[in-house]
Amino acid sequence: MKLLVDSCVWGGAVGVLQDAGHDAIWAGSWQHDPGDKAILAQAFHEHRVLVTLDKDFGELAIVQGLPHAGIIRLVNQSATQQAALTLLVIERYQDELARAAIITVEPERVRIRLPDEP
């Protein structure tokens, strides 16, 4: 799967995702932060699922209606858990991600919002 990992996610997660066979890039390696809208737009144009800790991306996608190729938001997850949880989400919910779902992973639950839901 093609992934754009936000700079707020532990940088080591990218190597774990790549080792698992995913095409993952990390925004933290860019020379400057272009801002949330530009990151979301780049992920969409490159057909990459955005992996983030930041709730602002969901607001951009839902409230402002900006296009996206799927979002995985990790909530209150330690850096050491971020890669493993992302891999688990990709494995369990790849069909939903292919439909540009927004998946929020909290310690006690997973919420999935499909693009055709209000």
Protein backbone atom coordinates (compact mmCIF):
# COMPACT_ATOMS: atom_id res chain seq x y z
CA MET A 1 0.00 0.00 0.00
CA LYS A 2 1.14 3.55 -0.68
CA LEU A 3 1.43 5.61 2.50
CA LEU A 4 2.39 9.15 3.41
CA VAL A 5 3.42 9.21 7.07
CA ASP A 6 2.96 12.58 8.72
CA SER A 7 5.92 14.17 10.49
CA CYS A 8 4.20 13.80 13.87
CA VAL A 9 4.41 10.01 13.56
CA TRP A 10 7.62 8.36 14.79
CA GLY A 11 10.09 8.38 11.89
CA GLY A 12 11.18 4.80 12.60
CA ALA A 13 7.69 3.65 11.67
CA VAL A 14 8.46 4.33 8.01
CA GLY A 15 11.25 1.74 7.89
CA VAL A 16 9.01 -0.85 9.53
CA LEU A 17 6.26 -0.14 6.99
CA GLN A 18 8.74 -0.32 4.11
CA ASP A 19 10.20 -3.58 5.44
CA ALA A 20 6.66 -4.98 5.39
CA GLY A 21 6.48 -4.19 1.67
CA HIS A 22 4.64 -0.86 1.69
CA ASP A 23 5.59 2.20 -0.35
CA ALA A 24 5.90 4.61 2.57
CA ILE A 25 7.33 8.13 2.64
CA TRP A 26 7.76 10.31 5.74
CA ALA A 27 6.91 14.01 5.74
CA GLY A 28 9.45 14.47 8.53
CA SER A 29 12.26 14.03 6.01
CA TRP A 30 11.12 17.03 3.94
CA GLN A 31 13.09 20.27 4.16
CA HIS A 32 10.05 22.19 5.41
CA ASP A 33 6.50 21.47 6.51
CA PRO A 34 4.16 22.62 3.72
CA GLY A 35 1.11 22.59 6.02
CA ASP A 36 -1.76 20.21 6.49
CA LYS A 37 -3.68 21.11 3.32
CA ALA A 38 -0.63 20.59 1.12
CA ILE A 39 0.21 17.28 2.83
CA LEU A 40 -3.35 16.02 2.35
CA ALA A 41 -3.31 17.17 -1.29
CA GLN A 42 -0.01 15.42 -1.98
CA ALA A 43 -1.26 12.20 -0.41
CA PHE A 44 -4.40 12.39 -2.57
CA HIS A 45 -2.53 13.12 -5.80
CA GLU A 46 -0.08 10.27 -5.17
CA HIS A 47 -2.91 7.90 -4.06
CA ARG A 48 -1.33 7.49 -0.63
CA VAL A 49 -3.14 6.80 2.63
CA LEU A 50 -2.13 9.43 5.16
CA VAL A 51 -0.96 8.13 8.55
CA THR A 52 -1.11 10.78 11.26
CA LEU A 53 -1.68 11.61 14.90
CA ASP A 54 -3.31 14.93 13.98
CA LYS A 55 -7.11 15.30 14.07
CA ASP A 56 -6.93 18.34 11.78
CA PHE A 57 -6.75 16.11 8.69
CA GLY A 58 -10.12 14.55 9.46
CA GLU A 59 -11.59 18.01 9.84
CA LEU A 60 -10.11 19.06 6.49
CA ALA A 61 -11.57 15.97 4.85
CA ILE A 62 -14.97 15.97 6.55
CA VAL A 63 -15.80 19.62 7.28
CA GLN A 64 -14.04 21.23 4.32
CA GLY A 65 -14.61 18.31 1.96
CA LEU A 66 -11.01 18.17 0.76
CA PRO A 67 -10.24 15.05 -1.26
CA HIS A 68 -8.09 12.31 0.25
CA ALA A 69 -7.04 8.75 -0.45
CA GLY A 70 -7.75 7.53 3.09
CA ILE A 71 -6.55 8.54 6.53
CA ILE A 72 -5.32 6.46 9.46
CA ARG A 73 -5.30 8.52 12.66
CA LEU A 74 -3.54 7.05 15.66
CA VAL A 75 -4.79 8.42 18.99
CA ASN A 76 -2.79 8.14 22.22
CA GLN A 77 -0.46 5.47 20.84
CA SER A 78 3.18 5.32 21.87
CA ALA A 79 5.86 5.75 19.23
CA THR A 80 6.81 2.08 19.56
CA GLN A 81 3.23 1.00 18.78
CA GLN A 82 2.60 3.27 15.80
CA ALA A 83 4.09 1.07 13.07
CA ALA A 84 2.57 -2.17 14.37
CA LEU A 85 -0.87 -0.60 14.69
CA THR A 86 -0.64 0.88 11.21
CA LEU A 87 0.24 -2.55 9.81
CA LEU A 88 -2.68 -4.10 11.68
CA VAL A 89 -5.09 -1.48 10.33
CA ILE A 90 -3.83 -2.00 6.77
CA GLU A 91 -4.25 -5.77 7.11
CA ARG A 92 -7.72 -5.67 8.66
CA TYR A 93 -9.20 -2.69 6.82
CA GLN A 94 -7.54 -2.59 3.41
CA ASP A 95 -10.91 -2.73 1.62
CA GLU A 96 -12.16 0.28 3.59
CA LEU A 97 -8.90 2.16 2.98
CA ALA A 98 -9.24 1.44 -0.75
CA ARG A 99 -12.56 3.31 -0.49
CA ALA A 100 -10.81 6.31 1.15
CA ALA A 101 -12.02 5.60 4.69
CA ILE A 102 -10.94 7.63 7.67
CA ILE A 103 -9.90 5.16 10.35
CA THR A 104 -9.31 6.36 13.89
CA VAL A 105 -7.39 3.97 16.14
CA GLU A 106 -7.88 4.63 19.84
CA PRO A 107 -6.55 2.46 22.68
CA GLU A 108 -9.92 0.77 23.22
CA ARG A 109 -11.62 1.00 19.81
CA VAL A 110 -11.36 1.55 16.08
CA ARG A 111 -13.75 3.91 14.30
CA ILE A 112 -14.24 3.78 10.54
CA ARG A 113 -15.85 6.53 8.52
CA LEU A 114 -16.46 5.75 4.87
CA PRO A 115 -16.65 8.65 2.41
CA ASP A 116 -20.35 8.11 1.65
CA GLU A 117 -21.34 8.42 5.32
CA PRO A 118 -22.80 11.73 6.58
